[in-house]
Amino acid sequence: MEVEATYKNFRMSAQKVREVVRQIQGLNAQQALAVLQFVPRKSARAVAQTLKSAIANAENNHQLKPESLVVHRAFAQTAVSFKRFIPKARGSAGPIIKRSCHIKIIVSGKA
């Protein structure tokens, strides 16, 4: 059985989050939490929070044991970007793009 959790509109680019998400794919859920605890990146906290949510969903909604869960798939997709402009020299303007992403983690286990 597959159970998922999603963190929507996290204010960081998907490219930065993907580096952390790739480290936990295929790991046991408890091992993945331990790995994320020592990853020195801001996105590791958000990924850990999403993973804890997926574990809680599996435990409470589907009566799966947390020890039997495995991170089946984990990915970060681009979300909406805020587009702003900053004044530049001689009356021109330069773009500022504030990116965000959706973090989705799917854990699987035996019923």
PDB file of N, CA and C in Angstrom:
ATOM      1  N   MET A   1       0.833  -1.176   0.000  1.00  0.00           N
ATOM      2  CA  MET A   1       0.000   0.000   0.000  1.00  0.00           C
ATOM      3  C   MET A   1       0.882   1.245   0.000  1.00  0.00           C
ATOM      4  N   GLU A   2       0.515   2.194  -0.833  1.00  0.00           N
ATOM      5  CA  GLU A   2       1.276   3.432  -0.930  1.00  0.00           C
ATOM      6  C   GLU A   2       0.518   4.572  -0.268  1.00  0.00           C
ATOM      7  N   VAL A   3       1.237   5.342   0.523  1.00  0.00           N
ATOM      8  CA  VAL A   3       0.670   6.487   1.227  1.00  0.00           C
ATOM      9  C   VAL A   3       1.540   7.697   0.890  1.00  0.00           C
ATOM     10  N   GLU A   4       0.902   8.842   0.702  1.00  0.00           N
ATOM     11  CA  GLU A   4       1.674  10.017   0.294  1.00  0.00           C
ATOM     12  C   GLU A   4       1.401  11.213   1.201  1.00  0.00           C
ATOM     13  N   ALA A   5       2.334  12.151   1.155  1.00  0.00           N
ATOM     14  CA  ALA A   5       2.192  13.440   1.824  1.00  0.00           C
ATOM     15  C   ALA A   5       2.809  14.489   0.919  1.00  0.00           C
ATOM     16  N   THR A   6       2.215  15.685   0.919  1.00  0.00           N
ATOM     17  CA  THR A   6       2.675  16.754   0.045  1.00  0.00           C
ATOM     18  C   THR A   6       2.841  18.043   0.836  1.00  0.00           C
ATOM     19  N   TYR A   7       3.952  18.708   0.606  1.00  0.00           N
ATOM     20  CA  TYR A   7       4.196  20.033   1.165  1.00  0.00           C
ATOM     21  C   TYR A   7       4.100  20.983  -0.024  1.00  0.00           C
ATOM     22  N   LYS A   8       3.061  21.818  -0.042  1.00  0.00           N
ATOM     23  CA  LYS A   8       2.839  22.683  -1.195  1.00  0.00           C
ATOM     24  C   LYS A   8       3.408  24.079  -0.970  1.00  0.00           C
ATOM     25  N   ASN A   9       3.894  24.648  -2.050  1.00  0.00           N
ATOM     26  CA  ASN A   9       4.390  26.028  -2.102  1.00  0.00           C
ATOM     27  C   ASN A   9       5.496  26.311  -1.095  1.00  0.00           C
ATOM     28  N   PHE A  10       6.464  25.425  -1.014  1.00  0.00           N
ATOM     29  CA  PHE A  10       7.644  25.658  -0.183  1.00  0.00           C
ATOM     30  C   PHE A  10       8.520  26.671  -0.897  1.00  0.00           C
ATOM     31  N   ARG A  11       8.919  27.737  -0.197  1.00  0.00           N
ATOM     32  CA  ARG A  11       9.618  28.858  -0.822  1.00  0.00           C
ATOM     33  C   ARG A  11      11.100  28.587  -1.024  1.00  0.00           C
ATOM     34  N   MET A  12      11.385  27.673  -1.916  1.00  0.00           N
ATOM     35  CA  MET A  12      12.753  27.378  -2.328  1.00  0.00           C
ATOM     36  C   MET A  12      12.652  26.729  -3.699  1.00  0.00           C
ATOM     37  N   SER A  13      13.673  26.896  -4.500  1.00  0.00           N
ATOM     38  CA  SER A  13      13.612  26.332  -5.843  1.00  0.00           C
ATOM     39  C   SER A  13      13.640  24.806  -5.789  1.00  0.00           C
ATOM     40  N   ALA A  14      12.975  24.201  -6.746  1.00  0.00           N
ATOM     41  CA  ALA A  14      12.887  22.744  -6.796  1.00  0.00           C
ATOM     42  C   ALA A  14      14.265  22.113  -6.999  1.00  0.00           C
ATOM     43  N   GLN A  15      15.137  22.800  -7.696  1.00  0.00           N
ATOM     44  CA  GLN A  15      16.479  22.280  -7.954  1.00  0.00           C
ATOM     45  C   GLN A  15      17.244  22.072  -6.656  1.00  0.00           C
ATOM     46  N   LYS A  16      17.123  23.002  -5.710  1.00  0.00           N
ATOM     47  CA  LYS A  16      17.809  22.878  -4.422  1.00  0.00           C
ATOM     48  C   LYS A  16      17.208  21.765  -3.574  1.00  0.00           C
ATOM     49  N   VAL A  17      15.899  21.594  -3.651  1.00  0.00           N
ATOM     50  CA  VAL A  17      15.228  20.567  -2.842  1.00  0.00           C
ATOM     51  C   VAL A  17      15.514  19.177  -3.403  1.00  0.00           C
ATOM     52  N   ARG A  18      15.640  19.062  -4.713  1.00  0.00           N
ATOM     53  CA  ARG A  18      15.893  17.754  -5.332  1.00  0.00           C
ATOM     54  C   ARG A  18      17.189  17.123  -4.844  1.00  0.00           C
ATOM     55  N   GLU A  19      18.199  17.936  -4.541  1.00  0.00           N
ATOM     56  CA  GLU A  19      19.464  17.394  -4.042  1.00  0.00           C
ATOM     57  C   GLU A  19      19.265  16.634  -2.736  1.00  0.00           C
ATOM     58  N   VAL A  20      18.373  17.118  -1.883  1.00  0.00           N
ATOM     59  CA  VAL A  20      18.109  16.470  -0.602  1.00  0.00           C
ATOM     60  C   VAL A  20      17.181  15.279  -0.791  1.00  0.00           C
ATOM     61  N   VAL A  21      16.176  15.441  -1.642  1.00  0.00           N
ATOM     62  CA  VAL A  21      15.169  14.394  -1.845  1.00  0.00           C
ATOM     63  C   VAL A  21      15.790  13.127  -2.438  1.00  0.00           C
ATOM     64  N   ARG A  22      16.773  13.306  -3.306  1.00  0.00           N
ATOM     65  CA  ARG A  22      17.413  12.142  -3.932  1.00  0.00           C
ATOM     66  C   ARG A  22      18.164  11.274  -2.924  1.00  0.00           C
ATOM     67  N   GLN A  23      18.594  11.872  -1.814  1.00  0.00           N
ATOM     68  CA  GLN A  23      19.361  11.120  -0.815  1.00  0.00           C
ATOM     69  C   GLN A  23      18.520  10.117  -0.055  1.00  0.00           C
ATOM     70  N   ILE A  24      17.196  10.320   0.018  1.00  0.00           N
ATOM     71  CA  ILE A  24      16.366   9.438   0.853  1.00  0.00           C
ATOM     72  C   ILE A  24      15.567   8.423   0.056  1.00  0.00           C
ATOM     73  N   GLN A  25      15.575   8.492  -1.264  1.00  0.00           N
ATOM     74  CA  GLN A  25      14.794   7.550  -2.055  1.00  0.00           C
ATOM     75  C   GLN A  25      15.296   6.131  -1.849  1.00  0.00           C
ATOM     76  N   GLY A  26      14.357   5.227  -1.595  1.00  0.00           N
ATOM     77  CA  GLY A  26      14.693   3.817  -1.435  1.00  0.00           C
ATOM     78  C   GLY A  26      15.102   3.422  -0.034  1.00  0.00           C
ATOM     79  N   LEU A  27      15.255   4.389   0.874  1.00  0.00           N
ATOM     80  CA  LEU A  27      15.657   4.071   2.246  1.00  0.00           C
ATOM     81  C   LEU A  27      14.450   3.689   3.095  1.00  0.00           C
ATOM     82  N   ASN A  28      14.728   3.002   4.185  1.00  0.00           N
ATOM     83  CA  ASN A  28      13.723   2.772   5.212  1.00  0.00           C
ATOM     84  C   ASN A  28      13.315   4.140   5.752  1.00  0.00           C
ATOM     85  N   ALA A  29      12.050   4.310   6.145  1.00  0.00           N
ATOM     86  CA  ALA A  29      11.554   5.624   6.574  1.00  0.00           C
ATOM     87  C   ALA A  29      12.306   6.132   7.807  1.00  0.00           C
ATOM     88  N   GLN A  30      12.619   5.242   8.751  1.00  0.00           N
ATOM     89  CA  GLN A  30      13.335   5.657   9.953  1.00  0.00           C
ATOM     90  C   GLN A  30      14.781   6.059   9.615  1.00  0.00           C
ATOM     91  N   GLN A  31      15.401   5.320   8.716  1.00  0.00           N
ATOM     92  CA  GLN A  31      16.760   5.661   8.277  1.00  0.00           C
ATOM     93  C   GLN A  31      16.767   6.999   7.542  1.00  0.00           C
ATOM     94  N   ALA A  32      15.744   7.237   6.742  1.00  0.00           N
ATOM     95  CA  ALA A  32      15.661   8.493   5.998  1.00  0.00           C
ATOM     96  C   ALA A  32      15.555   9.682   6.949  1.00  0.00           C
ATOM     97  N   LEU A  33      14.787   9.545   8.018  1.00  0.00           N
ATOM     98  CA  LEU A  33      14.688  10.616   9.012  1.00  0.00           C
ATOM     99  C   LEU A  33      16.038  10.867   9.674  1.00  0.00           C
ATOM    100  N   ALA A  34      16.767   9.782   9.957  1.00  0.00           N
ATOM    101  CA  ALA A  34      18.085   9.920  10.569  1.00  0.00           C
ATOM    102  C   ALA A  34      19.060  10.622   9.624  1.00  0.00           C
ATOM    103  N   VAL A  35      18.992  10.299   8.349  1.00  0.00           N
ATOM    104  CA  VAL A  35      19.867  10.943   7.358  1.00  0.00           C
ATOM    105  C   VAL A  35      19.534  12.431   7.259  1.00  0.00           C
ATOM    106  N   LEU A  36      18.238  12.758   7.210  1.00  0.00           N
ATOM    107  CA  LEU A  36      17.823  14.154   7.060  1.00  0.00           C
ATOM    108  C   LEU A  36      18.199  15.006   8.265  1.00  0.00           C
ATOM    109  N   GLN A  37      18.323  14.377   9.402  1.00  0.00           N
ATOM    110  CA  GLN A  37      18.674  15.110  10.615  1.00  0.00           C
ATOM    111  C   GLN A  37      20.078  15.722  10.509  1.00  0.00           C
ATOM    112  N   PHE A  38      20.950  15.091   9.740  1.00  0.00           N
ATOM    113  CA  PHE A  38      22.332  15.544   9.644  1.00  0.00           C
ATOM    114  C   PHE A  38      22.688  16.206   8.314  1.00  0.00           C
ATOM    115  N   VAL A  39      21.706  16.417   7.452  1.00  0.00           N
ATOM    116  CA  VAL A  39      21.960  17.110   6.190  1.00  0.00           C
ATOM    117  C   VAL A  39      21.950  18.613   6.460  1.00  0.00           C
ATOM    118  N   PRO A  40      23.049  19.315   6.178  1.00  0.00           N
ATOM    119  CA  PRO A  40      23.144  20.736   6.535  1.00  0.00           C
ATOM    120  C   PRO A  40      22.519  21.675   5.495  1.00  0.00           C
ATOM    121  N   ARG A  41      21.242  21.490   5.214  1.00  0.00           N
ATOM    122  CA  ARG A  41      20.546  22.343   4.250  1.00  0.00           C
ATOM    123  C   ARG A  41      19.181  22.730   4.805  1.00  0.00           C
ATOM    124  N   LYS A  42      18.725  23.896   4.428  1.00  0.00           N
ATOM    125  CA  LYS A  42      17.425  24.372   4.885  1.00  0.00           C
ATOM    126  C   LYS A  42      16.296  23.469   4.379  1.00  0.00           C
ATOM    127  N   SER A  43      16.448  22.958   3.184  1.00  0.00           N
ATOM    128  CA  SER A  43      15.397  22.126   2.600  1.00  0.00           C
ATOM    129  C   SER A  43      15.262  20.781   3.314  1.00  0.00           C
ATOM    130  N   ALA A  44      16.282  20.356   4.041  1.00  0.00           N
ATOM    131  CA  ALA A  44      16.212  19.071   4.744  1.00  0.00           C
ATOM    132  C   ALA A  44      15.127  19.088   5.817  1.00  0.00           C
ATOM    133  N   ARG A  45      14.917  20.239   6.452  1.00  0.00           N
ATOM    134  CA  ARG A  45      13.857  20.343   7.465  1.00  0.00           C
ATOM    135  C   ARG A  45      12.480  20.154   6.851  1.00  0.00           C
ATOM    136  N   ALA A  46      12.254  20.777   5.705  1.00  0.00           N
ATOM    137  CA  ALA A  46      10.958  20.662   5.041  1.00  0.00           C
ATOM    138  C   ALA A  46      10.719  19.244   4.536  1.00  0.00           C
ATOM    139  N   VAL A  47      11.763  18.602   4.025  1.00  0.00           N
ATOM    140  CA  VAL A  47      11.634  17.222   3.557  1.00  0.00           C
ATOM    141  C   VAL A  47      11.361  16.295   4.742  1.00  0.00           C
ATOM    142  N   ALA A  48      12.040  16.526   5.874  1.00  0.00           N
ATOM    143  CA  ALA A  48      11.815  15.718   7.069  1.00  0.00           C
ATOM    144  C   ALA A  48      10.390  15.904   7.582  1.00  0.00           C
ATOM    145  N   GLN A  49       9.895  17.121   7.538  1.00  0.00           N
ATOM    146  CA  GLN A  49       8.528  17.396   7.982  1.00  0.00           C
ATOM    147  C   GLN A  49       7.521  16.661   7.093  1.00  0.00           C
ATOM    148  N   THR A  50       7.750  16.658   5.797  1.00  0.00           N
ATOM    149  CA  THR A  50       6.868  15.967   4.861  1.00  0.00           C
ATOM    150  C   THR A  50       6.936  14.455   5.067  1.00  0.00           C
ATOM    151  N   LEU A  51       8.129  13.936   5.324  1.00  0.00           N
ATOM    152  CA  LEU A  51       8.291  12.507   5.572  1.00  0.00           C
ATOM    153  C   LEU A  51       7.577  12.084   6.852  1.00  0.00           C
ATOM    154  N   LYS A  52       7.688  12.896   7.900  1.00  0.00           N
ATOM    155  CA  LYS A  52       6.975  12.596   9.148  1.00  0.00           C
ATOM    156  C   LYS A  52       5.464  12.586   8.921  1.00  0.00           C
ATOM    157  N   SER A  53       4.992  13.478   8.085  1.00  0.00           N
ATOM    158  CA  SER A  53       3.574  13.531   7.756  1.00  0.00           C
ATOM    159  C   SER A  53       3.139  12.275   7.005  1.00  0.00           C
ATOM    160  N   ALA A  54       3.968  11.816   6.074  1.00  0.00           N
ATOM    161  CA  ALA A  54       3.649  10.593   5.329  1.00  0.00           C
ATOM    162  C   ALA A  54       3.625   9.380   6.254  1.00  0.00           C
ATOM    163  N   ILE A  55       4.561   9.327   7.199  1.00  0.00           N
ATOM    164  CA  ILE A  55       4.593   8.219   8.169  1.00  0.00           C
ATOM    165  C   ILE A  55       3.348   8.256   9.039  1.00  0.00           C
ATOM    166  N   ALA A  56       2.961   9.457   9.484  1.00  0.00           N
ATOM    167  CA  ALA A  56       1.762   9.590  10.315  1.00  0.00           C
ATOM    168  C   ALA A  56       0.504   9.215   9.535  1.00  0.00           C
ATOM    169  N   ASN A  57       0.446   9.585   8.260  1.00  0.00           N
ATOM    170  CA  ASN A  57      -0.699   9.205   7.426  1.00  0.00           C
ATOM    171  C   ASN A  57      -0.807   7.691   7.310  1.00  0.00           C
ATOM    172  N   ALA A  58       0.323   7.026   7.110  1.00  0.00           N
ATOM    173  CA  ALA A  58       0.317   5.571   6.980  1.00  0.00           C
ATOM    174  C   ALA A  58      -0.096   4.906   8.291  1.00  0.00           C
ATOM    175  N   GLU A  59       0.392   5.468   9.383  1.00  0.00           N
ATOM    176  CA  GLU A  59       0.121   4.877  10.693  1.00  0.00           C
ATOM    177  C   GLU A  59      -1.334   5.070  11.113  1.00  0.00           C
ATOM    178  N   ASN A  60      -1.864   6.277  10.938  1.00  0.00           N
ATOM    179  CA  ASN A  60      -3.205   6.593  11.425  1.00  0.00           C
ATOM    180  C   ASN A  60      -4.323   6.233  10.457  1.00  0.00           C
ATOM    181  N   ASN A  61      -4.096   6.388   9.160  1.00  0.00           N
ATOM    182  CA  ASN A  61      -5.165   6.154   8.184  1.00  0.00           C
ATOM    183  C   ASN A  61      -5.187   4.736   7.634  1.00  0.00           C
ATOM    184  N   HIS A  62      -4.028   4.062   7.634  1.00  0.00           N
ATOM    185  CA  HIS A  62      -3.958   2.736   7.012  1.00  0.00           C
ATOM    186  C   HIS A  62      -3.429   1.656   7.952  1.00  0.00           C
ATOM    187  N   GLN A  63      -3.210   2.005   9.211  1.00  0.00           N
ATOM    188  CA  GLN A  63      -2.750   1.074  10.247  1.00  0.00           C
ATOM    189  C   GLN A  63      -1.484   0.315   9.840  1.00  0.00           C
ATOM    190  N   LEU A  64      -0.545   1.016   9.230  1.00  0.00           N
ATOM    191  CA  LEU A  64       0.745   0.414   8.886  1.00  0.00           C
ATOM    192  C   LEU A  64       1.746   0.729   9.988  1.00  0.00           C
ATOM    193  N   LYS A  65       2.677  -0.169  10.201  1.00  0.00           N
ATOM    194  CA  LYS A  65       3.695   0.053  11.224  1.00  0.00           C
ATOM    195  C   LYS A  65       4.813   0.929  10.657  1.00  0.00           C
ATOM    196  N   PRO A  66       5.279   1.923  11.419  1.00  0.00           N
ATOM    197  CA  PRO A  66       6.332   2.818  10.912  1.00  0.00           C
ATOM    198  C   PRO A  66       7.635   2.094  10.593  1.00  0.00           C
ATOM    199  N   GLU A  67       7.905   0.981  11.275  1.00  0.00           N
ATOM    200  CA  GLU A  67       9.150   0.238  11.036  1.00  0.00           C
ATOM    201  C   GLU A  67       9.157  -0.448   9.670  1.00  0.00           C
ATOM    202  N   SER A  68       7.955  -0.735   9.136  1.00  0.00           N
ATOM    203  CA  SER A  68       7.883  -1.468   7.874  1.00  0.00           C
ATOM    204  C   SER A  68       7.821  -0.550   6.653  1.00  0.00           C
ATOM    205  N   LEU A  69       7.849   0.764   6.859  1.00  0.00           N
ATOM    206  CA  LEU A  69       7.691   1.699   5.748  1.00  0.00           C
ATOM    207  C   LEU A  69       9.012   1.986   5.034  1.00  0.00           C
ATOM    208  N   VAL A  70       8.919   2.140   3.725  1.00  0.00           N
ATOM    209  CA  VAL A  70      10.070   2.449   2.874  1.00  0.00           C
ATOM    210  C   VAL A  70       9.705   3.662   2.023  1.00  0.00           C
ATOM    211  N   VAL A  71      10.654   4.570   1.826  1.00  0.00           N
ATOM    212  CA  VAL A  71      10.421   5.728   0.951  1.00  0.00           C
ATOM    213  C   VAL A  71      10.444   5.209  -0.478  1.00  0.00           C
ATOM    214  N   HIS A  72       9.246   5.049  -1.037  1.00  0.00           N
ATOM    215  CA  HIS A  72       9.120   4.481  -2.377  1.00  0.00           C
ATOM    216  C   HIS A  72       9.540   5.498  -3.433  1.00  0.00           C
ATOM    217  N   ARG A  73       8.945   6.703  -3.365  1.00  0.00           N
ATOM    218  CA  ARG A  73       9.290   7.779  -4.293  1.00  0.00           C
ATOM    219  C   ARG A  73       9.284   9.093  -3.531  1.00  0.00           C
ATOM    220  N   ALA A  74      10.151   9.987  -3.927  1.00  0.00           N
ATOM    221  CA  ALA A  74      10.186  11.331  -3.354  1.00  0.00           C
ATOM    222  C   ALA A  74      10.654  12.276  -4.443  1.00  0.00           C
ATOM    223  N   PHE A  75       9.923  13.366  -4.633  1.00  0.00           N
ATOM    224  CA  PHE A  75      10.321  14.300  -5.674  1.00  0.00           C
ATOM    225  C   PHE A  75       9.852  15.704  -5.350  1.00  0.00           C
ATOM    226  N   ALA A  76      10.471  16.669  -5.998  1.00  0.00           N
ATOM    227  CA  ALA A  76      10.134  18.086  -5.848  1.00  0.00           C
ATOM    228  C   ALA A  76       9.791  18.629  -7.231  1.00  0.00           C
ATOM    229  N   GLN A  77       8.617  19.244  -7.329  1.00  0.00           N
ATOM    230  CA  GLN A  77       8.158  19.806  -8.586  1.00  0.00           C
ATOM    231  C   GLN A  77       8.058  21.320  -8.455  1.00  0.00           C
ATOM    232  N   THR A  78       8.230  22.015  -9.554  1.00  0.00           N
ATOM    233  CA  THR A  78       8.134  23.468  -9.508  1.00  0.00           C
ATOM    234  C   THR A  78       6.699  23.899  -9.259  1.00  0.00           C
ATOM    235  N   ALA A  79       6.548  24.996  -8.529  1.00  0.00           N
ATOM    236  CA  ALA A  79       5.239  25.580  -8.254  1.00  0.00           C
ATOM    237  C   ALA A  79       5.239  27.001  -8.823  1.00  0.00           C
ATOM    238  N   VAL A  80       4.311  27.820  -8.380  1.00  0.00           N
ATOM    239  CA  VAL A  80       4.227  29.183  -8.899  1.00  0.00           C
ATOM    240  C   VAL A  80       5.469  29.973  -8.508  1.00  0.00           C
ATOM    241  N   SER A  81       5.842  30.904  -9.376  1.00  0.00           N
ATOM    242  CA  SER A  81       6.975  31.787  -9.111  1.00  0.00           C
ATOM    243  C   SER A  81       6.472  33.210  -9.016  1.00  0.00           C
ATOM    244  N   PHE A  82       6.945  33.932  -8.003  1.00  0.00           N
ATOM    245  CA  PHE A  82       6.628  35.343  -7.895  1.00  0.00           C
ATOM    246  C   PHE A  82       7.576  36.095  -8.809  1.00  0.00           C
ATOM    247  N   LYS A  83       7.034  36.980  -9.623  1.00  0.00           N
ATOM    248  CA  LYS A  83       7.868  37.738 -10.543  1.00  0.00           C
ATOM    249  C   LYS A  83       7.844  39.193 -10.115  1.00  0.00           C
ATOM    250  N   ARG A  84       9.023  39.730  -9.864  1.00  0.00           N
ATOM    251  CA  ARG A  84       9.180  41.114  -9.435  1.00  0.00           C
ATOM    252  C   ARG A  84      10.240  41.773 -10.318  1.00  0.00           C
ATOM    253  N   PHE A  85      10.341  43.087 -10.197  1.00  0.00           N
ATOM    254  CA  PHE A  85      11.357  43.824 -10.939  1.00  0.00           C
ATOM    255  C   PHE A  85      12.103  44.745  -9.995  1.00  0.00           C
ATOM    256  N   ILE A  86      13.397  44.912 -10.258  1.00  0.00           N
ATOM    257  CA  ILE A  86      14.228  45.813  -9.481  1.00  0.00           C
ATOM    258  C   ILE A  86      14.775  46.882 -10.435  1.00  0.00           C
ATOM    259  N   PRO A  87      14.782  48.128  -9.990  1.00  0.00           N
ATOM    260  CA  PRO A  87      15.296  49.183 -10.879  1.00  0.00           C
ATOM    261  C   PRO A  87      16.789  49.008 -11.154  1.00  0.00           C
ATOM    262  N   LYS A  88      17.164  49.279 -12.377  1.00  0.00           N
ATOM    263  CA  LYS A  88      18.565  49.205 -12.792  1.00  0.00           C
ATOM    264  C   LYS A  88      18.992  50.563 -13.350  1.00  0.00           C
ATOM    265  N   ALA A  89      20.195  50.607 -13.797  1.00  0.00           N
ATOM    266  CA  ALA A  89      20.744  51.867 -14.294  1.00  0.00           C
ATOM    267  C   ALA A  89      20.028  52.350 -15.551  1.00  0.00           C
ATOM    268  N   ARG A  90      19.988  53.652 -15.713  1.00  0.00           N
ATOM    269  CA  ARG A  90      19.471  54.326 -16.903  1.00  0.00           C
ATOM    270  C   ARG A  90      18.013  53.989 -17.187  1.00  0.00           C
ATOM    271  N   GLY A  91      17.213  53.809 -16.129  1.00  0.00           N
ATOM    272  CA  GLY A  91      15.770  53.645 -16.284  1.00  0.00           C
ATOM    273  C   GLY A  91      15.303  52.262 -16.683  1.00  0.00           C
ATOM    274  N   SER A  92      16.202  51.295 -16.733  1.00  0.00           N
ATOM    275  CA  SER A  92      15.767  49.943 -17.085  1.00  0.00           C
ATOM    276  C   SER A  92      15.413  49.170 -15.821  1.00  0.00           C
ATOM    277  N   ALA A  93      14.948  47.935 -15.994  1.00  0.00           N
ATOM    278  CA  ALA A  93      14.546  47.108 -14.855  1.00  0.00           C
ATOM    279  C   ALA A  93      15.064  45.700 -15.057  1.00  0.00           C
ATOM    280  N   GLY A  94      15.427  45.073 -13.956  1.00  0.00           N
ATOM    281  CA  GLY A  94      15.905  43.696 -14.002  1.00  0.00           C
ATOM    282  C   GLY A  94      14.926  42.777 -13.288  1.00  0.00           C
ATOM    283  N   PRO A  95      14.710  41.586 -13.806  1.00  0.00           N
ATOM    284  CA  PRO A  95      13.725  40.682 -13.202  1.00  0.00           C
ATOM    285  C   PRO A  95      14.254  40.005 -11.939  1.00  0.00           C
ATOM    286  N   ILE A  96      13.341  39.742 -11.010  1.00  0.00           N
ATOM    287  CA  ILE A  96      13.611  38.916  -9.837  1.00  0.00           C
ATOM    288  C   ILE A  96      12.556  37.824  -9.850  1.00  0.00           C
ATOM    289  N   ILE A  97      12.983  36.593  -9.825  1.00  0.00           N
ATOM    290  CA  ILE A  97      12.047  35.469  -9.822  1.00  0.00           C
ATOM    291  C   ILE A  97      12.200  34.724  -8.509  1.00  0.00           C
ATOM    292  N   LYS A  98      11.153  34.730  -7.699  1.00  0.00           N
ATOM    293  CA  LYS A  98      11.161  34.034  -6.415  1.00  0.00           C
ATOM    294  C   LYS A  98      10.455  32.703  -6.610  1.00  0.00           C
ATOM    295  N   ARG A  99      11.242  31.644  -6.641  1.00  0.00           N
ATOM    296  CA  ARG A  99      10.715  30.325  -6.986  1.00  0.00           C
ATOM    297  C   ARG A  99      10.191  29.588  -5.759  1.00  0.00           C
ATOM    298  N   SER A 100       9.277  28.650  -6.009  1.00  0.00           N
ATOM    299  CA  SER A 100       8.769  27.774  -4.951  1.00  0.00           C
ATOM    300  C   SER A 100       8.540  26.393  -5.550  1.00  0.00           C
ATOM    301  N   CYS A 101       8.300  25.409  -4.684  1.00  0.00           N
ATOM    302  CA  CYS A 101       8.143  24.045  -5.172  1.00  0.00           C
ATOM    303  C   CYS A 101       7.164  23.264  -4.301  1.00  0.00           C
ATOM    304  N   HIS A 102       6.715  22.134  -4.831  1.00  0.00           N
ATOM    305  CA  HIS A 102       5.892  21.185  -4.098  1.00  0.00           C
ATOM    306  C   HIS A 102       6.770  19.968  -3.805  1.00  0.00           C
ATOM    307  N   ILE A 103       6.794  19.533  -2.539  1.00  0.00           N
ATOM    308  CA  ILE A 103       7.550  18.339  -2.156  1.00  0.00           C
ATOM    309  C   ILE A 103       6.543  17.219  -1.952  1.00  0.00           C
ATOM    310  N   LYS A 104       6.745  16.101  -2.624  1.00  0.00           N
ATOM    311  CA  LYS A 104       5.831  14.969  -2.513  1.00  0.00           C
ATOM    312  C   LYS A 104       6.632  13.717  -2.153  1.00  0.00           C
ATOM    313  N   ILE A 105       6.199  13.043  -1.085  1.00  0.00           N
ATOM    314  CA  ILE A 105       6.878  11.826  -0.639  1.00  0.00           C
ATOM    315  C   ILE A 105       5.854  10.700  -0.566  1.00  0.00           C
ATOM    316  N   ILE A 106       6.180   9.586  -1.186  1.00  0.00           N
ATOM    317  CA  ILE A 106       5.310   8.410  -1.181  1.00  0.00           C
ATOM    318  C   ILE A 106       6.031   7.282  -0.469  1.00  0.00           C
ATOM    319  N   VAL A 107       5.421   6.795   0.622  1.00  0.00           N
ATOM    320  CA  VAL A 107       5.988   5.670   1.365  1.00  0.00           C
ATOM    321  C   VAL A 107       5.128   4.450   1.103  1.00  0.00           C
ATOM    322  N   SER A 108       5.743   3.292   1.116  1.00  0.00           N
ATOM    323  CA  SER A 108       4.984   2.060   0.898  1.00  0.00           C
ATOM    324  C   SER A 108       5.359   1.062   1.982  1.00  0.00           C
ATOM    325  N   GLY A 109       4.422   0.207   2.279  1.00  0.00           N
ATOM    326  CA  GLY A 109       4.629  -0.825   3.276  1.00  0.00           C
ATOM    327  C   GLY A 109       3.624  -1.931   3.085  1.00  0.00           C
ATOM    328  N   LYS A 110       3.795  -3.000   3.824  1.00  0.00           N
ATOM    329  CA  LYS A 110       2.873  -4.125   3.729  1.00  0.00           C
ATOM    330  C   LYS A 110       1.751  -3.935   4.743  1.00  0.00           C
ATOM    331  N   ALA A 111       0.536  -4.265   4.349  1.00  0.00           N
ATOM    332  CA  ALA A 111      -0.636  -4.098   5.226  1.00  0.00           C
ATOM    333  C   ALA A 111      -0.684  -5.111   6.340  1.00  0.00           C
TER     334      ALA A 111
END
